[in-house]
Amino acid sequence: MRQRYFISKEGIANDLVIREYAATGKDTRKMQGVMPEDDFTLLCQENYKGELIQVSISTGIDGLIATLRTENLFPVGLFAAKIAESVITLYSSSEDGSTELSFDDMELFAHT
């Protein structure tokens, strides 16, 4: 399955929003390169208080991953680490910002 995560730091409190999208439609594995936006469906959105994220960052990447994982948003280890790294990068800036990550489950087989 192909997935996209839109990660943004927003507002005065520097709150974090993570939106998880998954590929929809038939034979998405056969498509090469970037898939059109309308081939993805929003699966969930998680909102986190900025203060909680900043404390979690200070405990290290494992602590941040534990904070980011919820009942609805639970990416596998490799993807969770990349998401956490992106969150750390966003919070290293004093400005609002966002980033998008794309994953394909086939990447997991390349790392085994």
N, C-alpha and C. Protein backbone atom coordinates (compact mmCIF):
# COMPACT_ATOMS: atom_id res chain seq x y z
N MET A 1 0.85 -1.18 0.00
CA MET A 1 0.00 0.00 0.00
C MET A 1 0.89 1.24 0.00
N ARG A 2 0.50 2.19 -0.77
CA ARG A 2 1.20 3.47 -0.79
C ARG A 2 0.51 4.43 0.18
N GLN A 3 1.34 5.18 0.90
CA GLN A 3 0.80 6.10 1.89
C GLN A 3 1.50 7.45 1.77
N ARG A 4 0.77 8.47 2.17
CA ARG A 4 1.32 9.83 2.27
C ARG A 4 0.98 10.36 3.65
N TYR A 5 1.93 11.09 4.19
CA TYR A 5 1.71 11.77 5.47
C TYR A 5 1.97 13.25 5.26
N PHE A 6 0.98 14.06 5.58
CA PHE A 6 1.15 15.51 5.54
C PHE A 6 1.31 15.95 6.99
N ILE A 7 2.46 16.55 7.28
CA ILE A 7 2.82 16.91 8.66
C ILE A 7 2.97 18.42 8.72
N SER A 8 2.26 19.06 9.65
CA SER A 8 2.37 20.51 9.74
C SER A 8 2.42 20.99 11.19
N LYS A 9 3.19 22.05 11.38
CA LYS A 9 3.29 22.75 12.67
C LYS A 9 2.54 24.06 12.49
N GLU A 10 1.56 24.31 13.36
CA GLU A 10 0.64 25.42 13.11
C GLU A 10 0.36 26.25 14.35
N GLY A 11 0.16 27.52 14.14
CA GLY A 11 -0.37 28.41 15.16
C GLY A 11 0.63 28.87 16.20
N ILE A 12 0.14 29.72 17.07
CA ILE A 12 0.96 30.31 18.13
C ILE A 12 1.51 29.25 19.07
N ALA A 13 0.72 28.21 19.33
CA ALA A 13 1.14 27.14 20.26
C ALA A 13 2.00 26.08 19.57
N ASN A 14 2.28 26.26 18.28
CA ASN A 14 3.08 25.30 17.51
C ASN A 14 2.52 23.89 17.58
N ASP A 15 1.20 23.78 17.47
CA ASP A 15 0.56 22.47 17.49
C ASP A 15 0.95 21.68 16.24
N LEU A 16 0.94 20.36 16.36
CA LEU A 16 1.31 19.47 15.27
C LEU A 16 0.06 18.78 14.74
N VAL A 17 -0.04 18.71 13.42
CA VAL A 17 -1.13 17.99 12.78
C VAL A 17 -0.50 16.99 11.80
N ILE A 18 -0.91 15.73 11.91
CA ILE A 18 -0.46 14.71 10.97
C ILE A 18 -1.70 14.12 10.30
N ARG A 19 -1.70 14.16 8.97
CA ARG A 19 -2.78 13.56 8.18
C ARG A 19 -2.19 12.37 7.41
N GLU A 20 -2.83 11.24 7.54
CA GLU A 20 -2.39 10.03 6.84
C GLU A 20 -3.35 9.74 5.70
N TYR A 21 -2.78 9.56 4.50
CA TYR A 21 -3.55 9.23 3.31
C TYR A 21 -3.06 7.89 2.78
N ALA A 22 -3.94 7.13 2.14
CA ALA A 22 -3.56 5.86 1.53
C ALA A 22 -4.05 5.84 0.09
N ALA A 23 -3.31 5.11 -0.74
CA ALA A 23 -3.68 4.98 -2.15
C ALA A 23 -4.99 4.23 -2.26
N THR A 24 -5.82 4.71 -3.14
CA THR A 24 -7.08 4.05 -3.42
C THR A 24 -7.13 3.73 -4.90
N GLY A 25 -8.05 2.93 -5.29
CA GLY A 25 -8.16 2.58 -6.70
C GLY A 25 -7.52 1.24 -6.97
N LYS A 26 -7.59 0.84 -8.20
CA LYS A 26 -7.11 -0.48 -8.60
C LYS A 26 -5.66 -0.43 -9.06
N ASP A 27 -4.94 -1.51 -8.78
CA ASP A 27 -3.59 -1.73 -9.29
C ASP A 27 -2.64 -0.57 -9.05
N THR A 28 -2.65 -0.04 -7.84
CA THR A 28 -1.74 1.07 -7.54
C THR A 28 -0.29 0.62 -7.57
N ARG A 29 -0.02 -0.65 -7.42
CA ARG A 29 1.35 -1.18 -7.46
C ARG A 29 1.95 -1.02 -8.86
N LYS A 30 1.10 -1.07 -9.89
CA LYS A 30 1.60 -1.00 -11.26
C LYS A 30 1.97 0.42 -11.66
N MET A 31 1.50 1.40 -10.90
CA MET A 31 1.78 2.79 -11.24
C MET A 31 3.18 3.14 -10.77
N GLN A 32 3.94 3.73 -11.63
CA GLN A 32 5.30 4.13 -11.32
C GLN A 32 5.34 5.62 -11.04
N GLY A 33 6.25 6.04 -10.18
CA GLY A 33 6.44 7.46 -9.91
C GLY A 33 5.36 8.03 -9.02
N VAL A 34 5.09 9.31 -9.19
CA VAL A 34 4.16 10.04 -8.34
C VAL A 34 2.73 9.76 -8.78
N MET A 35 1.90 9.45 -7.81
CA MET A 35 0.49 9.21 -8.10
C MET A 35 -0.29 10.51 -7.96
N PRO A 36 -1.35 10.67 -8.75
CA PRO A 36 -2.17 11.88 -8.63
C PRO A 36 -2.78 12.01 -7.24
N GLU A 37 -2.99 13.25 -6.81
CA GLU A 37 -3.55 13.52 -5.49
C GLU A 37 -4.90 12.84 -5.27
N ASP A 38 -5.72 12.77 -6.32
CA ASP A 38 -7.05 12.23 -6.14
C ASP A 38 -7.07 10.70 -6.03
N ASP A 39 -5.91 10.05 -6.13
CA ASP A 39 -5.82 8.62 -5.92
C ASP A 39 -5.56 8.27 -4.45
N PHE A 40 -5.55 9.27 -3.58
CA PHE A 40 -5.31 9.06 -2.16
C PHE A 40 -6.55 9.49 -1.37
N THR A 41 -6.82 8.73 -0.31
CA THR A 41 -7.95 9.01 0.57
C THR A 41 -7.44 9.27 1.98
N LEU A 42 -8.00 10.28 2.64
CA LEU A 42 -7.63 10.58 4.01
C LEU A 42 -8.09 9.45 4.92
N LEU A 43 -7.14 8.85 5.65
CA LEU A 43 -7.47 7.78 6.60
C LEU A 43 -7.71 8.33 7.99
N CYS A 44 -6.82 9.24 8.42
CA CYS A 44 -7.00 9.81 9.75
C CYS A 44 -6.21 11.12 9.87
N GLN A 45 -6.59 11.88 10.87
CA GLN A 45 -5.88 13.10 11.22
C GLN A 45 -5.69 13.08 12.72
N GLU A 46 -4.45 13.31 13.14
CA GLU A 46 -4.14 13.39 14.57
C GLU A 46 -3.62 14.79 14.87
N ASN A 47 -4.08 15.36 15.97
CA ASN A 47 -3.66 16.69 16.42
C ASN A 47 -2.93 16.53 17.75
N TYR A 48 -1.81 17.23 17.88
CA TYR A 48 -1.00 17.15 19.09
C TYR A 48 -0.70 18.56 19.58
N LYS A 49 -0.70 18.74 20.89
CA LYS A 49 -0.31 20.02 21.48
C LYS A 49 1.18 20.24 21.25
N GLY A 50 1.54 21.44 20.85
CA GLY A 50 2.93 21.77 20.59
C GLY A 50 3.84 21.52 21.79
N GLU A 51 3.35 21.84 22.97
CA GLU A 51 4.15 21.64 24.18
C GLU A 51 4.48 20.16 24.39
N LEU A 52 3.51 19.28 24.15
CA LEU A 52 3.74 17.84 24.29
C LEU A 52 4.80 17.36 23.30
N ILE A 53 4.73 17.85 22.07
CA ILE A 53 5.70 17.45 21.05
C ILE A 53 7.09 17.93 21.43
N GLN A 54 7.21 19.15 21.90
CA GLN A 54 8.53 19.68 22.27
C GLN A 54 9.13 18.87 23.42
N VAL A 55 8.33 18.49 24.40
CA VAL A 55 8.82 17.66 25.50
C VAL A 55 9.25 16.29 24.97
N SER A 56 8.44 15.72 24.08
CA SER A 56 8.76 14.41 23.52
C SER A 56 10.04 14.43 22.70
N ILE A 57 10.28 15.51 21.97
CA ILE A 57 11.51 15.65 21.19
C ILE A 57 12.71 15.63 22.13
N SER A 58 12.57 16.28 23.27
CA SER A 58 13.69 16.35 24.22
C SER A 58 14.03 14.99 24.84
N THR A 59 13.10 14.03 24.78
CA THR A 59 13.36 12.70 25.34
C THR A 59 14.05 11.78 24.32
N GLY A 60 14.12 12.21 23.08
CA GLY A 60 14.75 11.40 22.04
C GLY A 60 13.75 10.87 21.04
N ILE A 61 14.27 10.29 19.98
CA ILE A 61 13.40 9.85 18.87
C ILE A 61 12.44 8.76 19.30
N ASP A 62 12.86 7.85 20.17
CA ASP A 62 11.95 6.79 20.61
C ASP A 62 10.78 7.35 21.42
N GLY A 63 11.06 8.33 22.25
CA GLY A 63 9.99 8.99 23.01
C GLY A 63 9.03 9.73 22.10
N LEU A 64 9.57 10.38 21.08
CA LEU A 64 8.73 11.10 20.13
C LEU A 64 7.85 10.12 19.35
N ILE A 65 8.43 9.02 18.91
CA ILE A 65 7.64 8.01 18.18
C ILE A 65 6.50 7.50 19.07
N ALA A 66 6.78 7.24 20.32
CA ALA A 66 5.75 6.76 21.26
C ALA A 66 4.62 7.78 21.39
N THR A 67 4.96 9.05 21.38
CA THR A 67 3.94 10.11 21.47
C THR A 67 3.13 10.19 20.19
N LEU A 68 3.78 10.06 19.04
CA LEU A 68 3.09 10.20 17.76
C LEU A 68 2.15 9.03 17.45
N ARG A 69 2.50 7.86 17.93
CA ARG A 69 1.66 6.69 17.66
C ARG A 69 0.40 6.74 18.52
N THR A 70 -0.72 6.50 17.86
CA THR A 70 -2.01 6.48 18.54
C THR A 70 -2.77 5.24 18.10
N GLU A 71 -3.96 5.10 18.62
CA GLU A 71 -4.81 4.00 18.20
C GLU A 71 -5.12 4.06 16.71
N ASN A 72 -5.21 5.27 16.18
CA ASN A 72 -5.56 5.45 14.77
C ASN A 72 -4.35 5.63 13.85
N LEU A 73 -3.26 6.09 14.39
CA LEU A 73 -2.05 6.36 13.60
C LEU A 73 -0.91 5.56 14.21
N PHE A 74 -0.54 4.46 13.54
CA PHE A 74 0.49 3.59 14.10
C PHE A 74 1.38 3.08 12.96
N PRO A 75 2.23 3.96 12.42
CA PRO A 75 3.10 3.53 11.32
C PRO A 75 4.16 2.54 11.81
N VAL A 76 4.59 1.67 10.91
CA VAL A 76 5.64 0.70 11.25
C VAL A 76 6.93 1.43 11.58
N GLY A 77 7.85 0.75 12.24
CA GLY A 77 9.07 1.35 12.77
C GLY A 77 9.84 2.23 11.81
N LEU A 78 10.14 1.72 10.61
CA LEU A 78 10.92 2.49 9.64
C LEU A 78 10.21 3.79 9.26
N PHE A 79 8.92 3.70 9.01
CA PHE A 79 8.15 4.89 8.63
C PHE A 79 7.97 5.83 9.82
N ALA A 80 7.77 5.26 11.00
CA ALA A 80 7.62 6.09 12.21
C ALA A 80 8.88 6.90 12.47
N ALA A 81 10.03 6.30 12.25
CA ALA A 81 11.30 7.01 12.45
C ALA A 81 11.44 8.17 11.47
N LYS A 82 11.06 7.96 10.22
CA LYS A 82 11.13 9.03 9.23
C LYS A 82 10.16 10.16 9.55
N ILE A 83 8.97 9.80 10.02
CA ILE A 83 7.99 10.81 10.42
C ILE A 83 8.55 11.61 11.60
N ALA A 84 9.10 10.92 12.59
CA ALA A 84 9.67 11.60 13.76
C ALA A 84 10.81 12.53 13.36
N GLU A 85 11.66 12.09 12.46
CA GLU A 85 12.76 12.95 11.99
C GLU A 85 12.22 14.20 11.33
N SER A 86 11.14 14.07 10.57
CA SER A 86 10.54 15.24 9.93
C SER A 86 9.94 16.19 10.95
N VAL A 87 9.34 15.64 12.00
CA VAL A 87 8.79 16.47 13.07
C VAL A 87 9.91 17.24 13.77
N ILE A 88 11.01 16.57 14.04
CA ILE A 88 12.15 17.23 14.67
C ILE A 88 12.65 18.37 13.80
N THR A 89 12.72 18.14 12.50
CA THR A 89 13.16 19.19 11.57
C THR A 89 12.19 20.37 11.60
N LEU A 90 10.88 20.09 11.60
CA LEU A 90 9.89 21.17 11.65
C LEU A 90 10.03 22.00 12.93
N TYR A 91 10.26 21.33 14.04
CA TYR A 91 10.35 22.03 15.32
C TYR A 91 11.71 22.68 15.55
N SER A 92 12.67 22.43 14.68
CA SER A 92 13.95 23.12 14.80
C SER A 92 13.86 24.54 14.23
N SER A 93 12.76 24.84 13.55
CA SER A 93 12.51 26.17 13.02
C SER A 93 11.49 26.88 13.90
N SER A 94 11.63 28.17 14.05
CA SER A 94 10.68 28.94 14.86
C SER A 94 9.41 29.29 14.08
N GLU A 95 9.38 29.02 12.80
CA GLU A 95 8.23 29.37 11.97
C GLU A 95 7.31 28.18 11.75
N ASP A 96 6.04 28.47 11.40
CA ASP A 96 5.14 27.41 10.98
C ASP A 96 5.73 26.76 9.74
N GLY A 97 5.38 25.52 9.53
CA GLY A 97 5.87 24.83 8.34
C GLY A 97 5.16 23.52 8.14
N SER A 98 5.44 22.90 7.02
CA SER A 98 4.84 21.60 6.73
C SER A 98 5.76 20.80 5.83
N THR A 99 5.52 19.52 5.82
CA THR A 99 6.25 18.63 4.94
C THR A 99 5.36 17.47 4.58
N GLU A 100 5.70 16.80 3.51
CA GLU A 100 4.94 15.64 3.08
C GLU A 100 5.89 14.48 2.86
N LEU A 101 5.52 13.32 3.35
CA LEU A 101 6.31 12.10 3.18
C LEU A 101 5.48 11.08 2.42
N SER A 102 6.11 10.34 1.53
CA SER A 102 5.44 9.28 0.80
C SER A 102 6.15 7.97 1.06
N PHE A 103 5.38 6.92 1.27
CA PHE A 103 5.93 5.59 1.53
C PHE A 103 5.20 4.55 0.70
N ASP A 104 5.90 3.49 0.41
CA ASP A 104 5.33 2.32 -0.24
C ASP A 104 5.73 1.12 0.62
N ASP A 105 4.77 0.29 0.98
CA ASP A 105 5.08 -0.88 1.81
C ASP A 105 6.18 -1.75 1.22
N MET A 106 6.37 -1.67 -0.08
CA MET A 106 7.43 -2.45 -0.72
C MET A 106 8.81 -2.03 -0.20
N GLU A 107 8.94 -0.80 0.30
CA GLU A 107 10.20 -0.33 0.89
C GLU A 107 10.61 -1.19 2.07
N LEU A 108 9.63 -1.75 2.78
CA LEU A 108 9.93 -2.57 3.93
C LEU A 108 10.70 -3.83 3.55
N PHE A 109 10.37 -4.38 2.40
CA PHE A 109 11.06 -5.59 1.94
C PHE A 109 12.50 -5.30 1.54
N ALA A 110 12.77 -4.10 1.12
CA ALA A 110 14.13 -3.72 0.74
C ALA A 110 15.05 -3.60 1.96
N HIS A 111 14.46 -3.42 3.15
CA HIS A 111 15.24 -3.25 4.37
C HIS A 111 15.35 -4.51 5.22
N THR A 112 14.83 -5.64 4.70
CA THR A 112 14.91 -6.88 5.48
C THR A 112 16.04 -7.75 5.03
